[in-house]
Amino acid sequence: AIKRPTDKDETLVIFRPAKTNPAPVGLPG
């Protein structure tokens, strides 16, 4: 889930297929 930096009420949630491994990313938690 990624929040819009200047709006705490706006968040986009990213989903992947359940049968794949998580993607390695360099984003904060």
mmCIF file of all heavy atoms, coordinates in Angstrom:
data_MODEL
# 
_entry.id   MODEL 
# 
loop_
_atom_site.group_PDB 
_atom_site.id 
_atom_site.type_symbol 
_atom_site.label_atom_id 
_atom_site.label_alt_id 
_atom_site.label_comp_id 
_atom_site.label_asym_id 
_atom_site.label_entity_id 
_atom_site.label_seq_id 
_atom_site.pdbx_PDB_ins_code 
_atom_site.Cartn_x 
_atom_site.Cartn_y 
_atom_site.Cartn_z 
_atom_site.occupancy 
_atom_site.B_iso_or_equiv 
_atom_site.pdbx_formal_charge 
_atom_site.auth_seq_id 
_atom_site.auth_comp_id 
_atom_site.auth_asym_id 
_atom_site.auth_atom_id 
_atom_site.pdbx_PDB_model_num 
ATOM 1   N N   . ALA A 1 1  ? 0.862  -1.189  0.000   1.00 0.00 ? 1  ALA A N   1 
ATOM 2   C CA  . ALA A 1 1  ? 0.000  0.000   0.000   1.00 0.00 ? 1  ALA A CA  1 
ATOM 3   C C   . ALA A 1 1  ? 0.893  1.231   0.000   1.00 0.00 ? 1  ALA A C   1 
ATOM 4   O O   . ALA A 1 1  ? 1.816  1.334   0.815   1.00 0.00 ? 1  ALA A O   1 
ATOM 5   C CB  . ALA A 1 1  ? -0.913 -0.004  1.214   1.00 0.00 ? 1  ALA A CB  1 
ATOM 6   N N   . ILE A 1 2  ? 0.634  2.137   -0.928  1.00 0.00 ? 2  ILE A N   1 
ATOM 7   C CA  . ILE A 1 2  ? 1.485  3.322   -1.092  1.00 0.00 ? 2  ILE A CA  1 
ATOM 8   C C   . ILE A 1 2  ? 0.627  4.567   -0.917  1.00 0.00 ? 2  ILE A C   1 
ATOM 9   O O   . ILE A 1 2  ? -0.368 4.752   -1.624  1.00 0.00 ? 2  ILE A O   1 
ATOM 10  C CB  . ILE A 1 2  ? 2.154  3.338   -2.474  1.00 0.00 ? 2  ILE A CB  1 
ATOM 11  C CG1 . ILE A 1 2  ? 2.990  2.078   -2.659  1.00 0.00 ? 2  ILE A CG1 1 
ATOM 12  C CG2 . ILE A 1 2  ? 3.023  4.574   -2.627  1.00 0.00 ? 2  ILE A CG2 1 
ATOM 13  C CD1 . ILE A 1 2  ? 3.630  1.981   -4.025  1.00 0.00 ? 2  ILE A CD1 1 
ATOM 14  N N   . LYS A 1 3  ? 1.028  5.417   0.017   1.00 0.00 ? 3  LYS A N   1 
ATOM 15  C CA  . LYS A 1 3  ? 0.296  6.650   0.276   1.00 0.00 ? 3  LYS A CA  1 
ATOM 16  C C   . LYS A 1 3  ? 0.811  7.782   -0.606  1.00 0.00 ? 3  LYS A C   1 
ATOM 17  O O   . LYS A 1 3  ? 1.995  7.843   -0.930  1.00 0.00 ? 3  LYS A O   1 
ATOM 18  C CB  . LYS A 1 3  ? 0.444  7.060   1.745   1.00 0.00 ? 3  LYS A CB  1 
ATOM 19  C CG  . LYS A 1 3  ? -0.266 6.142   2.727   1.00 0.00 ? 3  LYS A CG  1 
ATOM 20  C CD  . LYS A 1 3  ? -0.142 6.674   4.152   1.00 0.00 ? 3  LYS A CD  1 
ATOM 21  C CE  . LYS A 1 3  ? -0.892 5.782   5.138   1.00 0.00 ? 3  LYS A CE  1 
ATOM 22  N NZ  . LYS A 1 3  ? -0.792 6.279   6.522   1.00 0.00 ? 3  LYS A NZ  1 
ATOM 23  N N   . ARG A 1 4  ? -0.110 8.654   -0.979  1.00 0.00 ? 4  ARG A N   1 
ATOM 24  C CA  . ARG A 1 4  ? 0.286  9.881   -1.664  1.00 0.00 ? 4  ARG A CA  1 
ATOM 25  C C   . ARG A 1 4  ? 0.960  10.794  -0.652  1.00 0.00 ? 4  ARG A C   1 
ATOM 26  O O   . ARG A 1 4  ? 0.386  11.081  0.409   1.00 0.00 ? 4  ARG A O   1 
ATOM 27  C CB  . ARG A 1 4  ? -0.950 10.558  -2.256  1.00 0.00 ? 4  ARG A CB  1 
ATOM 28  C CG  . ARG A 1 4  ? -0.652 11.761  -3.123  1.00 0.00 ? 4  ARG A CG  1 
ATOM 29  C CD  . ARG A 1 4  ? -1.832 12.093  -4.013  1.00 0.00 ? 4  ARG A CD  1 
ATOM 30  N NE  . ARG A 1 4  ? -1.632 13.353  -4.705  1.00 0.00 ? 4  ARG A NE  1 
ATOM 31  C CZ  . ARG A 1 4  ? -2.234 14.495  -4.374  1.00 0.00 ? 4  ARG A CZ  1 
ATOM 32  N NH1 . ARG A 1 4  ? -3.110 14.505  -3.374  1.00 0.00 ? 4  ARG A NH1 1 
ATOM 33  N NH2 . ARG A 1 4  ? -1.999 15.602  -5.023  1.00 0.00 ? 4  ARG A NH2 1 
ATOM 34  N N   . PRO A 1 5  ? 2.174  11.278  -0.911  1.00 0.00 ? 5  PRO A N   1 
ATOM 35  C CA  . PRO A 1 5  ? 2.949  11.988  0.120   1.00 0.00 ? 5  PRO A CA  1 
ATOM 36  C C   . PRO A 1 5  ? 2.234  13.184  0.732   1.00 0.00 ? 5  PRO A C   1 
ATOM 37  O O   . PRO A 1 5  ? 2.380  13.449  1.929   1.00 0.00 ? 5  PRO A O   1 
ATOM 38  C CB  . PRO A 1 5  ? 4.215  12.415  -0.636  1.00 0.00 ? 5  PRO A CB  1 
ATOM 39  C CG  . PRO A 1 5  ? 4.333  11.455  -1.772  1.00 0.00 ? 5  PRO A CG  1 
ATOM 40  C CD  . PRO A 1 5  ? 2.933  11.124  -2.159  1.00 0.00 ? 5  PRO A CD  1 
ATOM 41  N N   . THR A 1 6  ? 1.470  13.912  -0.061  1.00 0.00 ? 6  THR A N   1 
ATOM 42  C CA  . THR A 1 6  ? 0.847  15.129  0.435   1.00 0.00 ? 6  THR A CA  1 
ATOM 43  C C   . THR A 1 6  ? -0.619 14.958  0.776   1.00 0.00 ? 6  THR A C   1 
ATOM 44  O O   . THR A 1 6  ? -1.324 15.946  0.985   1.00 0.00 ? 6  THR A O   1 
ATOM 45  C CB  . THR A 1 6  ? 1.002  16.259  -0.605  1.00 0.00 ? 6  THR A CB  1 
ATOM 46  O OG1 . THR A 1 6  ? 0.479  15.816  -1.863  1.00 0.00 ? 6  THR A OG1 1 
ATOM 47  C CG2 . THR A 1 6  ? 2.464  16.636  -0.781  1.00 0.00 ? 6  THR A CG2 1 
ATOM 48  N N   . ASP A 1 7  ? -1.102 13.731  0.821   1.00 0.00 ? 7  ASP A N   1 
ATOM 49  C CA  . ASP A 1 7  ? -2.503 13.474  1.158   1.00 0.00 ? 7  ASP A CA  1 
ATOM 50  C C   . ASP A 1 7  ? -2.587 12.138  1.880   1.00 0.00 ? 7  ASP A C   1 
ATOM 51  O O   . ASP A 1 7  ? -2.538 11.073  1.254   1.00 0.00 ? 7  ASP A O   1 
ATOM 52  C CB  . ASP A 1 7  ? -3.375 13.467  -0.099  1.00 0.00 ? 7  ASP A CB  1 
ATOM 53  C CG  . ASP A 1 7  ? -4.859 13.390  0.219   1.00 0.00 ? 7  ASP A CG  1 
ATOM 54  O OD1 . ASP A 1 7  ? -5.202 13.164  1.398   1.00 0.00 ? 7  ASP A OD1 1 
ATOM 55  O OD2 . ASP A 1 7  ? -5.685 13.547  -0.705  1.00 0.00 ? 7  ASP A OD2 1 
ATOM 56  N N   . LYS A 1 8  ? -2.699 12.170  3.186   1.00 0.00 ? 8  LYS A N   1 
ATOM 57  C CA  . LYS A 1 8  ? -2.716 10.940  3.975   1.00 0.00 ? 8  LYS A CA  1 
ATOM 58  C C   . LYS A 1 8  ? -3.967 10.106  3.745   1.00 0.00 ? 8  LYS A C   1 
ATOM 59  O O   . LYS A 1 8  ? -4.007 8.933   4.112   1.00 0.00 ? 8  LYS A O   1 
ATOM 60  C CB  . LYS A 1 8  ? -2.592 11.286  5.465   1.00 0.00 ? 8  LYS A CB  1 
ATOM 61  C CG  . LYS A 1 8  ? -1.282 11.966  5.834   1.00 0.00 ? 8  LYS A CG  1 
ATOM 62  C CD  . LYS A 1 8  ? -1.226 12.294  7.311   1.00 0.00 ? 8  LYS A CD  1 
ATOM 63  C CE  . LYS A 1 8  ? 0.087  12.978  7.671   1.00 0.00 ? 8  LYS A CE  1 
ATOM 64  N NZ  . LYS A 1 8  ? 0.157  13.323  9.121   1.00 0.00 ? 8  LYS A NZ  1 
ATOM 65  N N   . ASP A 1 9  ? -4.994 10.707  3.172   1.00 0.00 ? 9  ASP A N   1 
ATOM 66  C CA  . ASP A 1 9  ? -6.251 9.986   2.952   1.00 0.00 ? 9  ASP A CA  1 
ATOM 67  C C   . ASP A 1 9  ? -6.306 9.288   1.604   1.00 0.00 ? 9  ASP A C   1 
ATOM 68  O O   . ASP A 1 9  ? -7.328 8.675   1.268   1.00 0.00 ? 9  ASP A O   1 
ATOM 69  C CB  . ASP A 1 9  ? -7.440 10.947  3.077   1.00 0.00 ? 9  ASP A CB  1 
ATOM 70  C CG  . ASP A 1 9  ? -7.557 11.546  4.469   1.00 0.00 ? 9  ASP A CG  1 
ATOM 71  O OD1 . ASP A 1 9  ? -7.220 10.838  5.428   1.00 0.00 ? 9  ASP A OD1 1 
ATOM 72  O OD2 . ASP A 1 9  ? -7.973 12.709  4.586   1.00 0.00 ? 9  ASP A OD2 1 
ATOM 73  N N   . GLU A 1 10 ? -5.249 9.399   0.809   1.00 0.00 ? 10 GLU A N   1 
ATOM 74  C CA  . GLU A 1 10 ? -5.261 8.802   -0.529  1.00 0.00 ? 10 GLU A CA  1 
ATOM 75  C C   . GLU A 1 10 ? -4.148 7.757   -0.615  1.00 0.00 ? 10 GLU A C   1 
ATOM 76  O O   . GLU A 1 10 ? -2.969 8.090   -0.537  1.00 0.00 ? 10 GLU A O   1 
ATOM 77  C CB  . GLU A 1 10 ? -5.086 9.868   -1.605  1.00 0.00 ? 10 GLU A CB  1 
ATOM 78  C CG  . GLU A 1 10 ? -5.311 9.326   -2.999  1.00 0.00 ? 10 GLU A CG  1 
ATOM 79  C CD  . GLU A 1 10 ? -5.518 10.433  -4.018  1.00 0.00 ? 10 GLU A CD  1 
ATOM 80  O OE1 . GLU A 1 10 ? -5.237 11.599  -3.687  1.00 0.00 ? 10 GLU A OE1 1 
ATOM 81  O OE2 . GLU A 1 10 ? -5.964 10.135  -5.143  1.00 0.00 ? 10 GLU A OE2 1 
ATOM 82  N N   . THR A 1 11 ? -4.541 6.512   -0.765  1.00 0.00 ? 11 THR A N   1 
ATOM 83  C CA  . THR A 1 11 ? -3.595 5.400   -0.796  1.00 0.00 ? 11 THR A CA  1 
ATOM 84  C C   . THR A 1 11 ? -3.980 4.438   -1.911  1.00 0.00 ? 11 THR A C   1 
ATOM 85  O O   . THR A 1 11 ? -5.154 4.086   -2.063  1.00 0.00 ? 11 THR A O   1 
ATOM 86  C CB  . THR A 1 11 ? -3.591 4.646   0.547   1.00 0.00 ? 11 THR A CB  1 
ATOM 87  O OG1 . THR A 1 11 ? -3.250 5.556   1.600   1.00 0.00 ? 11 THR A OG1 1 
ATOM 88  C CG2 . THR A 1 11 ? -2.584 3.505   0.524   1.00 0.00 ? 11 THR A CG2 1 
ATOM 89  N N   . LEU A 1 12 ? -2.993 4.029   -2.685  1.00 0.00 ? 12 LEU A N   1 
ATOM 90  C CA  . LEU A 1 12 ? -3.199 2.996   -3.696  1.00 0.00 ? 12 LEU A CA  1 
ATOM 91  C C   . LEU A 1 12 ? -2.632 1.683   -3.187  1.00 0.00 ? 12 LEU A C   1 
ATOM 92  O O   . LEU A 1 12 ? -1.515 1.638   -2.658  1.00 0.00 ? 12 LEU A O   1 
ATOM 93  C CB  . LEU A 1 12 ? -2.516 3.383   -5.010  1.00 0.00 ? 12 LEU A CB  1 
ATOM 94  C CG  . LEU A 1 12 ? -3.142 4.531   -5.809  1.00 0.00 ? 12 LEU A CG  1 
ATOM 95  C CD1 . LEU A 1 12 ? -2.384 4.750   -7.106  1.00 0.00 ? 12 LEU A CD1 1 
ATOM 96  C CD2 . LEU A 1 12 ? -4.617 4.281   -6.094  1.00 0.00 ? 12 LEU A CD2 1 
ATOM 97  N N   . VAL A 1 13 ? -3.409 0.605   -3.348  1.00 0.00 ? 13 VAL A N   1 
ATOM 98  C CA  . VAL A 1 13 ? -2.992 -0.721  -2.921  1.00 0.00 ? 13 VAL A CA  1 
ATOM 99  C C   . VAL A 1 13 ? -2.660 -1.542  -4.159  1.00 0.00 ? 13 VAL A C   1 
ATOM 100 O O   . VAL A 1 13 ? -3.445 -1.606  -5.108  1.00 0.00 ? 13 VAL A O   1 
ATOM 101 C CB  . VAL A 1 13 ? -4.095 -1.420  -2.104  1.00 0.00 ? 13 VAL A CB  1 
ATOM 102 C CG1 . VAL A 1 13 ? -3.589 -2.753  -1.567  1.00 0.00 ? 13 VAL A CG1 1 
ATOM 103 C CG2 . VAL A 1 13 ? -4.561 -0.525  -0.968  1.00 0.00 ? 13 VAL A CG2 1 
ATOM 104 N N   . ILE A 1 14 ? -1.476 -2.170  -4.148  1.00 0.00 ? 14 ILE A N   1 
ATOM 105 C CA  . ILE A 1 14 ? -1.009 -2.972  -5.279  1.00 0.00 ? 14 ILE A CA  1 
ATOM 106 C C   . ILE A 1 14 ? -1.165 -4.455  -4.930  1.00 0.00 ? 14 ILE A C   1 
ATOM 107 O O   . ILE A 1 14 ? -0.758 -4.896  -3.848  1.00 0.00 ? 14 ILE A O   1 
ATOM 108 C CB  . ILE A 1 14 ? 0.463  -2.659  -5.601  1.00 0.00 ? 14 ILE A CB  1 
ATOM 109 C CG1 . ILE A 1 14 ? 0.641  -1.155  -5.854  1.00 0.00 ? 14 ILE A CG1 1 
ATOM 110 C CG2 . ILE A 1 14 ? 0.929  -3.457  -6.812  1.00 0.00 ? 14 ILE A CG2 1 
ATOM 111 C CD1 . ILE A 1 14 ? 2.079  -0.743  -6.057  1.00 0.00 ? 14 ILE A CD1 1 
ATOM 112 N N   . PHE A 1 15 ? -1.737 -5.199  -5.848  1.00 0.00 ? 15 PHE A N   1 
ATOM 113 C CA  . PHE A 1 15 ? -1.921 -6.638  -5.679  1.00 0.00 ? 15 PHE A CA  1 
ATOM 114 C C   . PHE A 1 15 ? -1.142 -7.375  -6.768  1.00 0.00 ? 15 PHE A C   1 
ATOM 115 O O   . PHE A 1 15 ? -1.032 -6.900  -7.903  1.00 0.00 ? 15 PHE A O   1 
ATOM 116 C CB  . PHE A 1 15 ? -3.399 -7.017  -5.768  1.00 0.00 ? 15 PHE A CB  1 
ATOM 117 C CG  . PHE A 1 15 ? -4.244 -6.498  -4.630  1.00 0.00 ? 15 PHE A CG  1 
ATOM 118 C CD1 . PHE A 1 15 ? -4.753 -5.207  -4.641  1.00 0.00 ? 15 PHE A CD1 1 
ATOM 119 C CD2 . PHE A 1 15 ? -4.530 -7.314  -3.545  1.00 0.00 ? 15 PHE A CD2 1 
ATOM 120 C CE1 . PHE A 1 15 ? -5.530 -4.730  -3.599  1.00 0.00 ? 15 PHE A CE1 1 
ATOM 121 C CE2 . PHE A 1 15 ? -5.303 -6.862  -2.500  1.00 0.00 ? 15 PHE A CE2 1 
ATOM 122 C CZ  . PHE A 1 15 ? -5.797 -5.557  -2.518  1.00 0.00 ? 15 PHE A CZ  1 
ATOM 123 N N   . ARG A 1 16 ? -0.635 -8.544  -6.413  1.00 0.00 ? 16 ARG A N   1 
ATOM 124 C CA  . ARG A 1 16 ? 0.039  -9.425  -7.358  1.00 0.00 ? 16 ARG A CA  1 
ATOM 125 C C   . ARG A 1 16 ? -0.693 -10.778 -7.359  1.00 0.00 ? 16 ARG A C   1 
ATOM 126 O O   . ARG A 1 16 ? -1.467 -11.084 -6.441  1.00 0.00 ? 16 ARG A O   1 
ATOM 127 C CB  . ARG A 1 16 ? 1.498  -9.620  -6.954  1.00 0.00 ? 16 ARG A CB  1 
ATOM 128 C CG  . ARG A 1 16 ? 1.673  -10.240 -5.573  1.00 0.00 ? 16 ARG A CG  1 
ATOM 129 C CD  . ARG A 1 16 ? 3.136  -10.501 -5.261  1.00 0.00 ? 16 ARG A CD  1 
ATOM 130 N NE  . ARG A 1 16 ? 3.297  -10.917 -3.869  1.00 0.00 ? 16 ARG A NE  1 
ATOM 131 C CZ  . ARG A 1 16 ? 3.118  -12.140 -3.424  1.00 0.00 ? 16 ARG A CZ  1 
ATOM 132 N NH1 . ARG A 1 16 ? 2.739  -13.098 -4.263  1.00 0.00 ? 16 ARG A NH1 1 
ATOM 133 N NH2 . ARG A 1 16 ? 3.288  -12.432 -2.133  1.00 0.00 ? 16 ARG A NH2 1 
ATOM 134 N N   . PRO A 1 17 ? -0.432 -11.607 -8.352  1.00 0.00 ? 17 PRO A N   1 
ATOM 135 C CA  . PRO A 1 17 ? -1.029 -12.954 -8.356  1.00 0.00 ? 17 PRO A CA  1 
ATOM 136 C C   . PRO A 1 17 ? -0.589 -13.751 -7.139  1.00 0.00 ? 17 PRO A C   1 
ATOM 137 O O   . PRO A 1 17 ? 0.571  -13.682 -6.714  1.00 0.00 ? 17 PRO A O   1 
ATOM 138 C CB  . PRO A 1 17 ? -0.497 -13.574 -9.654  1.00 0.00 ? 17 PRO A CB  1 
ATOM 139 C CG  . PRO A 1 17 ? -0.199 -12.401 -10.539 1.00 0.00 ? 17 PRO A CG  1 
ATOM 140 C CD  . PRO A 1 17 ? 0.274  -11.321 -9.617  1.00 0.00 ? 17 PRO A CD  1 
ATOM 141 N N   . ALA A 1 18 ? -1.477 -14.488 -6.540  1.00 0.00 ? 18 ALA A N   1 
ATOM 142 C CA  . ALA A 1 18 ? -1.185 -15.208 -5.299  1.00 0.00 ? 18 ALA A CA  1 
ATOM 143 C C   . ALA A 1 18 ? -0.119 -16.275 -5.486  1.00 0.00 ? 18 ALA A C   1 
ATOM 144 O O   . ALA A 1 18 ? 0.570  -16.644 -4.534  1.00 0.00 ? 18 ALA A O   1 
ATOM 145 C CB  . ALA A 1 18 ? -2.465 -15.854 -4.767  1.00 0.00 ? 18 ALA A CB  1 
ATOM 146 N N   . LYS A 1 19 ? 0.102  -16.778 -6.718  1.00 0.00 ? 19 LYS A N   1 
ATOM 147 C CA  . LYS A 1 19 ? 1.034  -17.870 -6.952  1.00 0.00 ? 19 LYS A CA  1 
ATOM 148 C C   . LYS A 1 19 ? 2.438  -17.390 -7.281  1.00 0.00 ? 19 LYS A C   1 
ATOM 149 O O   . LYS A 1 19 ? 3.301  -18.203 -7.600  1.00 0.00 ? 19 LYS A O   1 
ATOM 150 C CB  . LYS A 1 19 ? 0.518  -18.745 -8.093  1.00 0.00 ? 19 LYS A CB  1 
ATOM 151 C CG  . LYS A 1 19 ? -0.817 -19.413 -7.782  1.00 0.00 ? 19 LYS A CG  1 
ATOM 152 C CD  . LYS A 1 19 ? -1.276 -20.284 -8.936  1.00 0.00 ? 19 LYS A CD  1 
ATOM 153 C CE  . LYS A 1 19 ? -2.617 -20.938 -8.623  1.00 0.00 ? 19 LYS A CE  1 
ATOM 154 N NZ  . LYS A 1 19 ? -3.090 -21.800 -9.745  1.00 0.00 ? 19 LYS A NZ  1 
ATOM 155 N N   . THR A 1 20 ? 2.687  -16.065 -7.231  1.00 0.00 ? 20 THR A N   1 
ATOM 156 C CA  . THR A 1 20 ? 4.022  -15.548 -7.524  1.00 0.00 ? 20 THR A CA  1 
ATOM 157 C C   . THR A 1 20 ? 4.677  -15.064 -6.255  1.00 0.00 ? 20 THR A C   1 
ATOM 158 O O   . THR A 1 20 ? 4.022  -14.804 -5.246  1.00 0.00 ? 20 THR A O   1 
ATOM 159 C CB  . THR A 1 20 ? 3.952  -14.384 -8.525  1.00 0.00 ? 20 THR A CB  1 
ATOM 160 O OG1 . THR A 1 20 ? 3.208  -13.307 -7.925  1.00 0.00 ? 20 THR A OG1 1 
ATOM 161 C CG2 . THR A 1 20 ? 3.283  -14.820 -9.814  1.00 0.00 ? 20 THR A CG2 1 
ATOM 162 N N   . ASN A 1 21 ? 5.999  -14.949 -6.305  1.00 0.00 ? 21 ASN A N   1 
ATOM 163 C CA  . ASN A 1 21 ? 6.748  -14.454 -5.155  1.00 0.00 ? 21 ASN A CA  1 
ATOM 164 C C   . ASN A 1 21 ? 6.688  -12.941 -5.096  1.00 0.00 ? 21 ASN A C   1 
ATOM 165 O O   . ASN A 1 21 ? 6.558  -12.267 -6.122  1.00 0.00 ? 21 ASN A O   1 
ATOM 166 C CB  . ASN A 1 21 ? 8.207  -14.898 -5.243  1.00 0.00 ? 21 ASN A CB  1 
ATOM 167 C CG  . ASN A 1 21 ? 8.335  -16.406 -5.155  1.00 0.00 ? 21 ASN A CG  1 
ATOM 168 O OD1 . ASN A 1 21 ? 7.595  -17.054 -4.413  1.00 0.00 ? 21 ASN A OD1 1 
ATOM 169 N ND2 . ASN A 1 21 ? 9.271  -16.970 -5.928  1.00 0.00 ? 21 ASN A ND2 1 
ATOM 170 N N   . PRO A 1 22 ? 6.802  -12.344 -3.899  1.00 0.00 ? 22 PRO A N   1 
ATOM 171 C CA  . PRO A 1 22 ? 6.796  -10.888 -3.781  1.00 0.00 ? 22 PRO A CA  1 
ATOM 172 C C   . PRO A 1 22 ? 7.927  -10.272 -4.589  1.00 0.00 ? 22 PRO A C   1 
ATOM 173 O O   . PRO A 1 22 ? 9.013  -10.844 -4.709  1.00 0.00 ? 22 PRO A O   1 
ATOM 174 C CB  . PRO A 1 22 ? 6.973  -10.654 -2.281  1.00 0.00 ? 22 PRO A CB  1 
ATOM 175 C CG  . PRO A 1 22 ? 6.549  -11.939 -1.636  1.00 0.00 ? 22 PRO A CG  1 
ATOM 176 C CD  . PRO A 1 22 ? 6.900  -13.018 -2.595  1.00 0.00 ? 22 PRO A CD  1 
ATOM 177 N N   . ALA A 1 23 ? 7.649  -9.089  -5.135  1.00 0.00 ? 23 ALA A N   1 
ATOM 178 C CA  . ALA A 1 23 ? 8.663  -8.383  -5.920  1.00 0.00 ? 23 ALA A CA  1 
ATOM 179 C C   . ALA A 1 23 ? 9.628  -7.671  -4.987  1.00 0.00 ? 23 ALA A C   1 
ATOM 180 O O   . ALA A 1 23 ? 9.206  -7.012  -4.040  1.00 0.00 ? 23 ALA A O   1 
ATOM 181 C CB  . ALA A 1 23 ? 7.990  -7.379  -6.863  1.00 0.00 ? 23 ALA A CB  1 
ATOM 182 N N   . PRO A 1 24 ? 10.947 -7.771  -5.228  1.00 0.00 ? 24 PRO A N   1 
ATOM 183 C CA  . PRO A 1 24 ? 11.913 -7.040  -4.404  1.00 0.00 ? 24 PRO A CA  1 
ATOM 184 C C   . PRO A 1 24 ? 11.897 -5.566  -4.764  1.00 0.00 ? 24 PRO A C   1 
ATOM 185 O O   . PRO A 1 24 ? 12.102 -5.203  -5.917  1.00 0.00 ? 24 PRO A O   1 
ATOM 186 C CB  . PRO A 1 24 ? 13.249 -7.685  -4.781  1.00 0.00 ? 24 PRO A CB  1 
ATOM 187 C CG  . PRO A 1 24 ? 13.049 -8.204  -6.175  1.00 0.00 ? 24 PRO A CG  1 
ATOM 188 C CD  . PRO A 1 24 ? 11.601 -8.609  -6.258  1.00 0.00 ? 24 PRO A CD  1 
ATOM 189 N N   . VAL A 1 25 ? 11.637 -4.747  -3.792  1.00 0.00 ? 25 VAL A N   1 
ATOM 190 C CA  . VAL A 1 25 ? 11.564 -3.307  -4.044  1.00 0.00 ? 25 VAL A CA  1 
ATOM 191 C C   . VAL A 1 25 ? 12.341 -2.586  -2.974  1.00 0.00 ? 25 VAL A C   1 
ATOM 192 O O   . VAL A 1 25 ? 12.596 -3.102  -1.896  1.00 0.00 ? 25 VAL A O   1 
ATOM 193 C CB  . VAL A 1 25 ? 10.099 -2.805  -4.051  1.00 0.00 ? 25 VAL A CB  1 
ATOM 194 C CG1 . VAL A 1 25 ? 9.355  -3.391  -5.225  1.00 0.00 ? 25 VAL A CG1 1 
ATOM 195 C CG2 . VAL A 1 25 ? 9.414  -3.155  -2.741  1.00 0.00 ? 25 VAL A CG2 1 
ATOM 196 N N   . GLY A 1 26 ? 12.695 -1.334  -3.298  1.00 0.00 ? 26 GLY A N   1 
ATOM 197 C CA  . GLY A 1 26 ? 13.449 -0.530  -2.344  1.00 0.00 ? 26 GLY A CA  1 
ATOM 198 C C   . GLY A 1 26 ? 12.617 0.548   -1.717  1.00 0.00 ? 26 GLY A C   1 
ATOM 199 O O   . GLY A 1 26 ? 13.112 1.633   -1.457  1.00 0.00 ? 26 GLY A O   1 
ATOM 200 N N   . LEU A 1 27 ? 11.331 0.267   -1.495  1.00 0.00 ? 27 LEU A N   1 
ATOM 201 C CA  . LEU A 1 27 ? 10.447 1.267   -0.910  1.00 0.00 ? 27 LEU A CA  1 
ATOM 202 C C   . LEU A 1 27 ? 10.358 1.083   0.591   1.00 0.00 ? 27 LEU A C   1 
ATOM 203 O O   . LEU A 1 27 ? 10.516 -0.036  1.095   1.00 0.00 ? 27 LEU A O   1 
ATOM 204 C CB  . LEU A 1 27 ? 9.043  1.142   -1.508  1.00 0.00 ? 27 LEU A CB  1 
ATOM 205 C CG  . LEU A 1 27 ? 8.901  1.607   -2.960  1.00 0.00 ? 27 LEU A CG  1 
ATOM 206 C CD1 . LEU A 1 27 ? 7.477  1.338   -3.421  1.00 0.00 ? 27 LEU A CD1 1 
ATOM 207 C CD2 . LEU A 1 27 ? 9.239  3.065   -3.107  1.00 0.00 ? 27 LEU A CD2 1 
ATOM 208 N N   . PRO A 1 28 ? 10.081 2.151   1.343   1.00 0.00 ? 28 PRO A N   1 
ATOM 209 C CA  . PRO A 1 28 ? 9.861  2.012   2.772   1.00 0.00 ? 28 PRO A CA  1 
ATOM 210 C C   . PRO A 1 28 ? 8.622  1.202   3.047   1.00 0.00 ? 28 PRO A C   1 
ATOM 211 O O   . PRO A 1 28 ? 7.749  1.049   2.198   1.00 0.00 ? 28 PRO A O   1 
ATOM 212 C CB  . PRO A 1 28 ? 9.710  3.465   3.245   1.00 0.00 ? 28 PRO A CB  1 
ATOM 213 C CG  . PRO A 1 28 ? 9.307  4.215   2.029   1.00 0.00 ? 28 PRO A CG  1 
ATOM 214 C CD  . PRO A 1 28 ? 9.964  3.532   0.881   1.00 0.00 ? 28 PRO A CD  1 
ATOM 215 N N   . GLY A 1 29 ? 8.517  0.697   4.235   1.00 0.00 ? 29 GLY A N   1 
ATOM 216 C CA  . GLY A 1 29 ? 7.356  -0.121  4.595   1.00 0.00 ? 29 GLY A CA  1 
ATOM 217 C C   . GLY A 1 29 ? 6.088  0.666   4.619   1.00 0.00 ? 29 GLY A C   1 
ATOM 218 O O   . GLY A 1 29 ? 6.063  1.865   4.471   1.00 0.00 ? 29 GLY A O   1 
# 
